[in-house]
Amino acid sequence: MPLRLSLWPAPVTYKIMANTKSAIKAARKSVRLTVRNRGVKTGLKTLHKKLDAAVKANDAAAAKIAGIAYVSAMNRAAKSGAVHRNAADRAKSHAAKYIFAK
């Protein structure tokens, strides 16, 4: 039973090969969470690019604001399971290192 989700730029069709009711439900859930996580990670990459741009421009105020937004989004992503907790902590540490570099 194919499950079709419309995503930009092209619709994606996932074919579910599960046999039992619980496996079919788990496969549907997996597709739904994959789509959600993809959006969350895309947003994180955008915020990281904004942080990098602010740091490269030597704009301390903009870097601090971008850093706060990035860390907050990373915390939400870790809380929802889109990003592993340790990976989020590592990314936040790197962001802080860039923001407070002298």
PDB file of N, CA and C in Angstrom:
ATOM      1  N   MET A   1       0.848  -1.171   0.000  1.00  0.00           N
ATOM      2  CA  MET A   1       0.000   0.000   0.000  1.00  0.00           C
ATOM      3  C   MET A   1       0.890   1.227   0.000  1.00  0.00           C
ATOM      4  N   PRO A   2       0.943   1.977  -1.100  1.00  0.00           N
ATOM      5  CA  PRO A   2       1.809   3.152  -1.151  1.00  0.00           C
ATOM      6  C   PRO A   2       1.232   4.308  -0.348  1.00  0.00           C
ATOM      7  N   LEU A   3       2.080   5.013   0.307  1.00  0.00           N
ATOM      8  CA  LEU A   3       1.694   6.186   1.075  1.00  0.00           C
ATOM      9  C   LEU A   3       2.335   7.380   0.413  1.00  0.00           C
ATOM     10  N   ARG A   4       1.525   8.345  -0.006  1.00  0.00           N
ATOM     11  CA  ARG A   4       2.029   9.475  -0.771  1.00  0.00           C
ATOM     12  C   ARG A   4       2.011  10.734   0.086  1.00  0.00           C
ATOM     13  N   LEU A   5       3.137  11.374   0.169  1.00  0.00           N
ATOM     14  CA  LEU A   5       3.254  12.642   0.879  1.00  0.00           C
ATOM     15  C   LEU A   5       3.774  13.677  -0.095  1.00  0.00           C
ATOM     16  N   SER A   6       3.107  14.806  -0.156  1.00  0.00           N
ATOM     17  CA  SER A   6       3.577  15.840  -1.069  1.00  0.00           C
ATOM     18  C   SER A   6       4.593  16.707  -0.354  1.00  0.00           C
ATOM     19  N   LEU A   7       5.793  16.687  -0.864  1.00  0.00           N
ATOM     20  CA  LEU A   7       6.893  17.475  -0.322  1.00  0.00           C
ATOM     21  C   LEU A   7       7.475  18.301  -1.443  1.00  0.00           C
ATOM     22  N   TRP A   8       8.003  19.450  -1.098  1.00  0.00           N
ATOM     23  CA  TRP A   8       8.660  20.246  -2.106  1.00  0.00           C
ATOM     24  C   TRP A   8      10.073  19.725  -2.258  1.00  0.00           C
ATOM     25  N   PRO A   9      10.649  19.590  -3.389  1.00  0.00           N
ATOM     26  CA  PRO A   9      10.226  20.012  -4.709  1.00  0.00           C
ATOM     27  C   PRO A   9       9.399  18.971  -5.451  1.00  0.00           C
ATOM     28  N   ALA A  10       9.425  17.714  -5.010  1.00  0.00           N
ATOM     29  CA  ALA A  10       8.668  16.690  -5.726  1.00  0.00           C
ATOM     30  C   ALA A  10       7.953  15.799  -4.715  1.00  0.00           C
ATOM     31  N   PRO A  11       6.783  15.300  -5.075  1.00  0.00           N
ATOM     32  CA  PRO A  11       6.100  14.389  -4.161  1.00  0.00           C
ATOM     33  C   PRO A  11       6.894  13.100  -3.988  1.00  0.00           C
ATOM     34  N   VAL A  12       6.834  12.563  -2.799  1.00  0.00           N
ATOM     35  CA  VAL A  12       7.568  11.347  -2.481  1.00  0.00           C
ATOM     36  C   VAL A  12       6.552  10.253  -2.183  1.00  0.00           C
ATOM     37  N   THR A  13       6.766   9.086  -2.738  1.00  0.00           N
ATOM     38  CA  THR A  13       5.888   7.960  -2.476  1.00  0.00           C
ATOM     39  C   THR A  13       6.687   6.909  -1.723  1.00  0.00           C
ATOM     40  N   TYR A  14       6.154   6.498  -0.582  1.00  0.00           N
ATOM     41  CA  TYR A  14       6.774   5.461   0.211  1.00  0.00           C
ATOM     42  C   TYR A  14       5.927   4.205   0.086  1.00  0.00           C
ATOM     43  N   LYS A  15       6.559   3.087  -0.178  1.00  0.00           N
ATOM     44  CA  LYS A  15       5.837   1.834  -0.265  1.00  0.00           C
ATOM     45  C   LYS A  15       6.012   1.101   1.049  1.00  0.00           C
ATOM     46  N   ILE A  16       4.893   0.773   1.677  1.00  0.00           N
ATOM     47  CA  ILE A  16       4.914   0.096   2.963  1.00  0.00           C
ATOM     48  C   ILE A  16       4.840  -1.401   2.715  1.00  0.00           C
ATOM     49  N   MET A  17       5.845  -2.116   3.200  1.00  0.00           N
ATOM     50  CA  MET A  17       5.924  -3.553   2.967  1.00  0.00           C
ATOM     51  C   MET A  17       5.574  -4.352   4.218  1.00  0.00           C
ATOM     52  N   ALA A  18       4.940  -3.723   5.174  1.00  0.00           N
ATOM     53  CA  ALA A  18       4.644  -4.395   6.432  1.00  0.00           C
ATOM     54  C   ALA A  18       3.492  -5.384   6.264  1.00  0.00           C
ATOM     55  N   ASN A  19       3.455  -6.401   7.140  1.00  0.00           N
ATOM     56  CA  ASN A  19       2.438  -7.440   7.055  1.00  0.00           C
ATOM     57  C   ASN A  19       1.401  -7.360   8.161  1.00  0.00           C
ATOM     58  N   THR A  20       1.807  -6.949   9.340  1.00  0.00           N
ATOM     59  CA  THR A  20       0.864  -6.922  10.456  1.00  0.00           C
ATOM     60  C   THR A  20       0.336  -5.510  10.671  1.00  0.00           C
ATOM     61  N   LYS A  21      -0.779  -5.430  11.423  1.00  0.00           N
ATOM     62  CA  LYS A  21      -1.380  -4.119  11.689  1.00  0.00           C
ATOM     63  C   LYS A  21      -0.407  -3.202  12.415  1.00  0.00           C
ATOM     64  N   SER A  22       0.272  -3.739  13.403  1.00  0.00           N
ATOM     65  CA  SER A  22       1.185  -2.900  14.185  1.00  0.00           C
ATOM     66  C   SER A  22       2.367  -2.442  13.334  1.00  0.00           C
ATOM     67  N   ALA A  23       2.843  -3.310  12.440  1.00  0.00           N
ATOM     68  CA  ALA A  23       3.961  -2.938  11.575  1.00  0.00           C
ATOM     69  C   ALA A  23       3.532  -1.895  10.552  1.00  0.00           C
ATOM     70  N   ILE A  24       2.302  -1.996  10.062  1.00  0.00           N
ATOM     71  CA  ILE A  24       1.777  -0.995   9.121  1.00  0.00           C
ATOM     72  C   ILE A  24       1.679   0.361   9.810  1.00  0.00           C
ATOM     73  N   LYS A  25       1.178   0.361  11.046  1.00  0.00           N
ATOM     74  CA  LYS A  25       1.070   1.611  11.800  1.00  0.00           C
ATOM     75  C   LYS A  25       2.461   2.182  12.081  1.00  0.00           C
ATOM     76  N   ALA A  26       3.403   1.323  12.433  1.00  0.00           N
ATOM     77  CA  ALA A  26       4.765   1.786  12.705  1.00  0.00           C
ATOM     78  C   ALA A  26       5.397   2.377  11.446  1.00  0.00           C
ATOM     79  N   ALA A  27       5.106   1.773  10.295  1.00  0.00           N
ATOM     80  CA  ALA A  27       5.653   2.294   9.041  1.00  0.00           C
ATOM     81  C   ALA A  27       5.051   3.650   8.712  1.00  0.00           C
ATOM     82  N   ARG A  28       3.752   3.818   8.931  1.00  0.00           N
ATOM     83  CA  ARG A  28       3.105   5.122   8.702  1.00  0.00           C
ATOM     84  C   ARG A  28       3.705   6.169   9.632  1.00  0.00           C
ATOM     85  N   LYS A  29       3.908   5.788  10.873  1.00  0.00           N
ATOM     86  CA  LYS A  29       4.480   6.704  11.856  1.00  0.00           C
ATOM     87  C   LYS A  29       5.905   7.089  11.473  1.00  0.00           C
ATOM     88  N   SER A  30       6.661   6.128  10.992  1.00  0.00           N
ATOM     89  CA  SER A  30       8.029   6.387  10.584  1.00  0.00           C
ATOM     90  C   SER A  30       8.088   7.404   9.455  1.00  0.00           C
ATOM     91  N   VAL A  31       7.184   7.268   8.493  1.00  0.00           N
ATOM     92  CA  VAL A  31       7.139   8.215   7.376  1.00  0.00           C
ATOM     93  C   VAL A  31       6.780   9.606   7.881  1.00  0.00           C
ATOM     94  N   ARG A  32       5.786   9.682   8.755  1.00  0.00           N
ATOM     95  CA  ARG A  32       5.346  10.975   9.293  1.00  0.00           C
ATOM     96  C   ARG A  32       6.473  11.659  10.074  1.00  0.00           C
ATOM     97  N   LEU A  33       7.161  10.903  10.895  1.00  0.00           N
ATOM     98  CA  LEU A  33       8.238  11.480  11.703  1.00  0.00           C
ATOM     99  C   LEU A  33       9.443  11.856  10.843  1.00  0.00           C
ATOM    100  N   THR A  34       9.686  11.083   9.788  1.00  0.00           N
ATOM    101  CA  THR A  34      10.790  11.406   8.885  1.00  0.00           C
ATOM    102  C   THR A  34      10.555  12.750   8.216  1.00  0.00           C
ATOM    103  N   VAL A  35       9.331  12.972   7.786  1.00  0.00           N
ATOM    104  CA  VAL A  35       8.990  14.250   7.149  1.00  0.00           C
ATOM    105  C   VAL A  35       9.136  15.395   8.143  1.00  0.00           C
ATOM    106  N   ARG A  36       8.650  15.207   9.362  1.00  0.00           N
ATOM    107  CA  ARG A  36       8.765  16.246  10.384  1.00  0.00           C
ATOM    108  C   ARG A  36      10.222  16.541  10.705  1.00  0.00           C
ATOM    109  N   ASN A  37      11.008  15.491  10.888  1.00  0.00           N
ATOM    110  CA  ASN A  37      12.419  15.678  11.238  1.00  0.00           C
ATOM    111  C   ASN A  37      13.182  16.378  10.126  1.00  0.00           C
ATOM    112  N   ARG A  38      12.824  16.086   8.880  1.00  0.00           N
ATOM    113  CA  ARG A  38      13.485  16.730   7.757  1.00  0.00           C
ATOM    114  C   ARG A  38      13.260  18.233   7.809  1.00  0.00           C
ATOM    115  N   GLY A  39      12.044  18.649   8.121  1.00  0.00           N
ATOM    116  CA  GLY A  39      11.752  20.076   8.229  1.00  0.00           C
ATOM    117  C   GLY A  39      12.486  20.729   9.381  1.00  0.00           C
ATOM    118  N   VAL A  40      12.542  20.040  10.496  1.00  0.00           N
ATOM    119  CA  VAL A  40      13.243  20.579  11.669  1.00  0.00           C
ATOM    120  C   VAL A  40      14.723  20.750  11.370  1.00  0.00           C
ATOM    121  N   LYS A  41      15.327  19.751  10.746  1.00  0.00           N
ATOM    122  CA  LYS A  41      16.760  19.820  10.446  1.00  0.00           C
ATOM    123  C   LYS A  41      17.074  20.892   9.404  1.00  0.00           C
ATOM    124  N   THR A  42      16.165  21.086   8.455  1.00  0.00           N
ATOM    125  CA  THR A  42      16.348  22.148   7.474  1.00  0.00           C
ATOM    126  C   THR A  42      16.340  23.510   8.158  1.00  0.00           C
ATOM    127  N   GLY A  43      15.421  23.700   9.094  1.00  0.00           N
ATOM    128  CA  GLY A  43      15.382  24.951   9.850  1.00  0.00           C
ATOM    129  C   GLY A  43      16.636  25.171  10.664  1.00  0.00           C
ATOM    130  N   LEU A  44      17.167  24.095  11.238  1.00  0.00           N
ATOM    131  CA  LEU A  44      18.405  24.208  12.005  1.00  0.00           C
ATOM    132  C   LEU A  44      19.575  24.635  11.111  1.00  0.00           C
ATOM    133  N   LYS A  45      19.625  24.072   9.908  1.00  0.00           N
ATOM    134  CA  LYS A  45      20.696  24.449   8.991  1.00  0.00           C
ATOM    135  C   LYS A  45      20.598  25.923   8.605  1.00  0.00           C
ATOM    136  N   THR A  46      19.366  26.400   8.415  1.00  0.00           N
ATOM    137  CA  THR A  46      19.167  27.811   8.082  1.00  0.00           C
ATOM    138  C   THR A  46      19.645  28.704   9.217  1.00  0.00           C
ATOM    139  N   LEU A  47      19.278  28.362  10.449  1.00  0.00           N
ATOM    140  CA  LEU A  47      19.711  29.157  11.605  1.00  0.00           C
ATOM    141  C   LEU A  47      21.233  29.111  11.765  1.00  0.00           C
ATOM    142  N   HIS A  48      21.827  27.967  11.473  1.00  0.00           N
ATOM    143  CA  HIS A  48      23.280  27.857  11.573  1.00  0.00           C
ATOM    144  C   HIS A  48      23.957  28.738  10.533  1.00  0.00           C
ATOM    145  N   LYS A  49      23.399  28.808   9.332  1.00  0.00           N
ATOM    146  CA  LYS A  49      23.957  29.682   8.289  1.00  0.00           C
ATOM    147  C   LYS A  49      23.856  31.149   8.699  1.00  0.00           C
ATOM    148  N   LYS A  50      22.738  31.522   9.340  1.00  0.00           N
ATOM    149  CA  LYS A  50      22.588  32.901   9.813  1.00  0.00           C
ATOM    150  C   LYS A  50      23.627  33.212  10.885  1.00  0.00           C
ATOM    151  N   LEU A  51      23.875  32.254  11.762  1.00  0.00           N
ATOM    152  CA  LEU A  51      24.881  32.433  12.801  1.00  0.00           C
ATOM    153  C   LEU A  51      26.266  32.592  12.177  1.00  0.00           C
ATOM    154  N   ASP A  52      26.598  31.741  11.219  1.00  0.00           N
ATOM    155  CA  ASP A  52      27.894  31.841  10.544  1.00  0.00           C
ATOM    156  C   ASP A  52      28.065  33.187   9.847  1.00  0.00           C
ATOM    157  N   ALA A  53      27.002  33.650   9.195  1.00  0.00           N
ATOM    158  CA  ALA A  53      27.079  34.929   8.488  1.00  0.00           C
ATOM    159  C   ALA A  53      27.316  36.079   9.467  1.00  0.00           C
ATOM    160  N   ALA A  54      26.645  36.030  10.617  1.00  0.00           N
ATOM    161  CA  ALA A  54      26.813  37.088  11.614  1.00  0.00           C
ATOM    162  C   ALA A  54      28.218  37.062  12.202  1.00  0.00           C
ATOM    163  N   VAL A  55      28.754  35.883  12.433  1.00  0.00           N
ATOM    164  CA  VAL A  55      30.096  35.769  13.000  1.00  0.00           C
ATOM    165  C   VAL A  55      31.140  36.247  11.983  1.00  0.00           C
ATOM    166  N   LYS A  56      30.960  35.871  10.715  1.00  0.00           N
ATOM    167  CA  LYS A  56      31.923  36.292   9.687  1.00  0.00           C
ATOM    168  C   LYS A  56      31.876  37.794   9.437  1.00  0.00           C
ATOM    169  N   ALA A  57      30.701  38.408   9.691  1.00  0.00           N
ATOM    170  CA  ALA A  57      30.571  39.852   9.514  1.00  0.00           C
ATOM    171  C   ALA A  57      31.086  40.619  10.726  1.00  0.00           C
ATOM    172  N   ASN A  58      31.555  39.920  11.741  1.00  0.00           N
ATOM    173  CA  ASN A  58      32.053  40.528  12.983  1.00  0.00           C
ATOM    174  C   ASN A  58      30.998  41.410  13.647  1.00  0.00           C
ATOM    175  N   ASP A  59      29.745  40.990  13.579  1.00  0.00           N
ATOM    176  CA  ASP A  59      28.639  41.715  14.209  1.00  0.00           C
ATOM    177  C   ASP A  59      28.263  40.964  15.484  1.00  0.00           C
ATOM    178  N   ALA A  60      28.772  41.443  16.611  1.00  0.00           N
ATOM    179  CA  ALA A  60      28.591  40.735  17.878  1.00  0.00           C
ATOM    180  C   ALA A  60      27.130  40.660  18.297  1.00  0.00           C
ATOM    181  N   ALA A  61      26.385  41.753  18.109  1.00  0.00           N
ATOM    182  CA  ALA A  61      24.986  41.760  18.521  1.00  0.00           C
ATOM    183  C   ALA A  61      24.164  40.779  17.684  1.00  0.00           C
ATOM    184  N   ALA A  62      24.373  40.802  16.374  1.00  0.00           N
ATOM    185  CA  ALA A  62      23.637  39.888  15.497  1.00  0.00           C
ATOM    186  C   ALA A  62      24.042  38.444  15.758  1.00  0.00           C
ATOM    187  N   ALA A  63      25.320  38.227  16.050  1.00  0.00           N
ATOM    188  CA  ALA A  63      25.784  36.874  16.340  1.00  0.00           C
ATOM    189  C   ALA A  63      25.154  36.344  17.617  1.00  0.00           C
ATOM    190  N   LYS A  64      25.026  37.208  18.617  1.00  0.00           N
ATOM    191  CA  LYS A  64      24.421  36.770  19.872  1.00  0.00           C
ATOM    192  C   LYS A  64      22.950  36.430  19.677  1.00  0.00           C
ATOM    193  N   ILE A  65      22.220  37.260  18.923  1.00  0.00           N
ATOM    194  CA  ILE A  65      20.802  37.005  18.656  1.00  0.00           C
ATOM    195  C   ILE A  65      20.641  35.722  17.847  1.00  0.00           C
ATOM    196  N   ALA A  66      21.479  35.547  16.802  1.00  0.00           N
ATOM    197  CA  ALA A  66      21.414  34.345  15.980  1.00  0.00           C
ATOM    198  C   ALA A  66      21.785  33.105  16.795  1.00  0.00           C
ATOM    199  N   GLY A  67      22.739  33.258  17.687  1.00  0.00           N
ATOM    200  CA  GLY A  67      23.149  32.146  18.540  1.00  0.00           C
ATOM    201  C   GLY A  67      22.058  31.712  19.483  1.00  0.00           C
ATOM    202  N   ILE A  68      21.354  32.682  20.056  1.00  0.00           N
ATOM    203  CA  ILE A  68      20.256  32.359  20.963  1.00  0.00           C
ATOM    204  C   ILE A  68      19.152  31.615  20.205  1.00  0.00           C
ATOM    205  N   ALA A  69      18.838  32.087  18.999  1.00  0.00           N
ATOM    206  CA  ALA A  69      17.809  31.426  18.188  1.00  0.00           C
ATOM    207  C   ALA A  69      18.236  30.010  17.819  1.00  0.00           C
ATOM    208  N   TYR A  70      19.504  29.844  17.467  1.00  0.00           N
ATOM    209  CA  TYR A  70      20.015  28.526  17.073  1.00  0.00           C
ATOM    210  C   TYR A  70      19.993  27.555  18.247  1.00  0.00           C
ATOM    211  N   VAL A  71      20.436  28.010  19.405  1.00  0.00           N
ATOM    212  CA  VAL A  71      20.473  27.143  20.585  1.00  0.00           C
ATOM    213  C   VAL A  71      19.056  26.759  21.011  1.00  0.00           C
ATOM    214  N   SER A  72      18.140  27.709  20.953  1.00  0.00           N
ATOM    215  CA  SER A  72      16.756  27.416  21.308  1.00  0.00           C
ATOM    216  C   SER A  72      16.147  26.382  20.363  1.00  0.00           C
ATOM    217  N   ALA A  73      16.382  26.555  19.064  1.00  0.00           N
ATOM    218  CA  ALA A  73      15.861  25.602  18.087  1.00  0.00           C
ATOM    219  C   ALA A  73      16.513  24.229  18.266  1.00  0.00           C
ATOM    220  N   MET A  74      17.785  24.207  18.595  1.00  0.00           N
ATOM    221  CA  MET A  74      18.478  22.941  18.805  1.00  0.00           C
ATOM    222  C   MET A  74      17.925  22.224  20.039  1.00  0.00           C
ATOM    223  N   ASN A  75      17.603  22.982  21.091  1.00  0.00           N
ATOM    224  CA  ASN A  75      17.005  22.376  22.284  1.00  0.00           C
ATOM    225  C   ASN A  75      15.650  21.759  21.953  1.00  0.00           C
ATOM    226  N   ARG A  76      14.834  22.473  21.162  1.00  0.00           N
ATOM    227  CA  ARG A  76      13.520  21.936  20.776  1.00  0.00           C
ATOM    228  C   ARG A  76      13.671  20.687  19.910  1.00  0.00           C
ATOM    229  N   ALA A  77      14.665  20.693  19.010  1.00  0.00           N
ATOM    230  CA  ALA A  77      14.890  19.536  18.149  1.00  0.00           C
ATOM    231  C   ALA A  77      15.337  18.324  18.966  1.00  0.00           C
ATOM    232  N   ALA A  78      16.167  18.556  19.963  1.00  0.00           N
ATOM    233  CA  ALA A  78      16.612  17.458  20.819  1.00  0.00           C
ATOM    234  C   ALA A  78      15.466  16.948  21.673  1.00  0.00           C
ATOM    235  N   LYS A  79      14.626  17.848  22.136  1.00  0.00           N
ATOM    236  CA  LYS A  79      13.491  17.453  22.969  1.00  0.00           C
ATOM    237  C   LYS A  79      12.509  16.588  22.194  1.00  0.00           C
ATOM    238  N   SER A  80      12.307  16.907  20.911  1.00  0.00           N
ATOM    239  CA  SER A  80      11.358  16.138  20.101  1.00  0.00           C
ATOM    240  C   SER A  80      11.982  14.877  19.518  1.00  0.00           C
ATOM    241  N   GLY A  81      13.308  14.735  19.602  1.00  0.00           N
ATOM    242  CA  GLY A  81      13.968  13.541  19.104  1.00  0.00           C
ATOM    243  C   GLY A  81      14.453  13.658  17.675  1.00  0.00           C
ATOM    244  N   ALA A  82      14.320  14.835  17.070  1.00  0.00           N
ATOM    245  CA  ALA A  82      14.796  15.013  15.697  1.00  0.00           C
ATOM    246  C   ALA A  82      16.318  14.975  15.641  1.00  0.00           C
ATOM    247  N   VAL A  83      16.953  15.415  16.734  1.00  0.00           N
ATOM    248  CA  VAL A  83      18.413  15.424  16.845  1.00  0.00           C
ATOM    249  C   VAL A  83      18.760  14.751  18.166  1.00  0.00           C
ATOM    250  N   HIS A  84      19.806  13.946  18.169  1.00  0.00           N
ATOM    251  CA  HIS A  84      20.219  13.283  19.398  1.00  0.00           C
ATOM    252  C   HIS A  84      20.690  14.325  20.413  1.00  0.00           C
ATOM    253  N   ARG A  85      20.441  14.048  21.679  1.00  0.00           N
ATOM    254  CA  ARG A  85      20.776  14.998  22.744  1.00  0.00           C
ATOM    255  C   ARG A  85      22.255  15.354  22.759  1.00  0.00           C
ATOM    256  N   ASN A  86      23.108  14.365  22.578  1.00  0.00           N
ATOM    257  CA  ASN A  86      24.548  14.635  22.591  1.00  0.00           C
ATOM    258  C   ASN A  86      24.966  15.462  21.384  1.00  0.00           C
ATOM    259  N   ALA A  87      24.373  15.196  20.238  1.00  0.00           N
ATOM    260  CA  ALA A  87      24.687  15.973  19.039  1.00  0.00           C
ATOM    261  C   ALA A  87      24.242  17.420  19.225  1.00  0.00           C
ATOM    262  N   ALA A  88      23.097  17.611  19.864  1.00  0.00           N
ATOM    263  CA  ALA A  88      22.612  18.970  20.123  1.00  0.00           C
ATOM    264  C   ALA A  88      23.553  19.699  21.079  1.00  0.00           C
ATOM    265  N   ASP A  89      23.989  19.015  22.119  1.00  0.00           N
ATOM    266  CA  ASP A  89      24.919  19.632  23.070  1.00  0.00           C
ATOM    267  C   ASP A  89      26.232  20.013  22.391  1.00  0.00           C
ATOM    268  N   ARG A  90      26.706  19.146  21.521  1.00  0.00           N
ATOM    269  CA  ARG A  90      27.956  19.424  20.802  1.00  0.00           C
ATOM    270  C   ARG A  90      27.789  20.635  19.881  1.00  0.00           C
ATOM    271  N   ALA A  91      26.651  20.711  19.183  1.00  0.00           N
ATOM    272  CA  ALA A  91      26.407  21.836  18.275  1.00  0.00           C
ATOM    273  C   ALA A  91      26.276  23.138  19.049  1.00  0.00           C
ATOM    274  N   LYS A  92      25.626  23.085  20.206  1.00  0.00           N
ATOM    275  CA  LYS A  92      25.480  24.294  21.033  1.00  0.00           C
ATOM    276  C   LYS A  92      26.835  24.748  21.562  1.00  0.00           C
ATOM    277  N   SER A  93      27.684  23.801  21.910  1.00  0.00           N
ATOM    278  CA  SER A  93      29.020  24.144  22.391  1.00  0.00           C
ATOM    279  C   SER A  93      29.840  24.819  21.293  1.00  0.00           C
ATOM    280  N   HIS A  94      29.753  24.288  20.078  1.00  0.00           N
ATOM    281  CA  HIS A  94      30.478  24.899  18.963  1.00  0.00           C
ATOM    282  C   HIS A  94      29.947  26.298  18.667  1.00  0.00           C
ATOM    283  N   ALA A  95      28.631  26.460  18.750  1.00  0.00           N
ATOM    284  CA  ALA A  95      28.031  27.776  18.504  1.00  0.00           C
ATOM    285  C   ALA A  95      28.506  28.787  19.544  1.00  0.00           C
ATOM    286  N   ALA A  96      28.547  28.362  20.804  1.00  0.00           N
ATOM    287  CA  ALA A  96      29.000  29.257  21.868  1.00  0.00           C
ATOM    288  C   ALA A  96      30.461  29.639  21.669  1.00  0.00           C
ATOM    289  N   LYS A  97      31.246  28.686  21.206  1.00  0.00           N
ATOM    290  CA  LYS A  97      32.663  28.961  20.966  1.00  0.00           C
ATOM    291  C   LYS A  97      32.822  30.044  19.886  1.00  0.00           C
ATOM    292  N   TYR A  98      32.003  29.974  18.844  1.00  0.00           N
ATOM    293  CA  TYR A  98      32.063  30.975  17.779  1.00  0.00           C
ATOM    294  C   TYR A  98      31.567  32.339  18.265  1.00  0.00           C
ATOM    295  N   ILE A  99      30.505  32.333  19.040  1.00  0.00           N
ATOM    296  CA  ILE A  99      29.888  33.600  19.478  1.00  0.00           C
ATOM    297  C   ILE A  99      30.837  34.359  20.421  1.00  0.00           C
ATOM    298  N   PHE A 100      31.434  33.633  21.343  1.00  0.00           N
ATOM    299  CA  PHE A 100      32.245  34.285  22.373  1.00  0.00           C
ATOM    300  C   PHE A 100      33.729  34.267  22.067  1.00  0.00           C
ATOM    301  N   ALA A 101      34.099  33.963  20.823  1.00  0.00           N
ATOM    302  CA  ALA A 101      35.508  33.978  20.443  1.00  0.00           C
ATOM    303  C   ALA A 101      36.042  35.408  20.491  1.00  0.00           C
ATOM    304  N   LYS A 102      37.277  35.555  20.924  1.00  0.00           N
ATOM    305  CA  LYS A 102      37.827  36.914  21.067  1.00  0.00           C
ATOM    306  C   LYS A 102      38.705  37.260  19.907  1.00  0.00           C
TER     307      LYS A 102
END
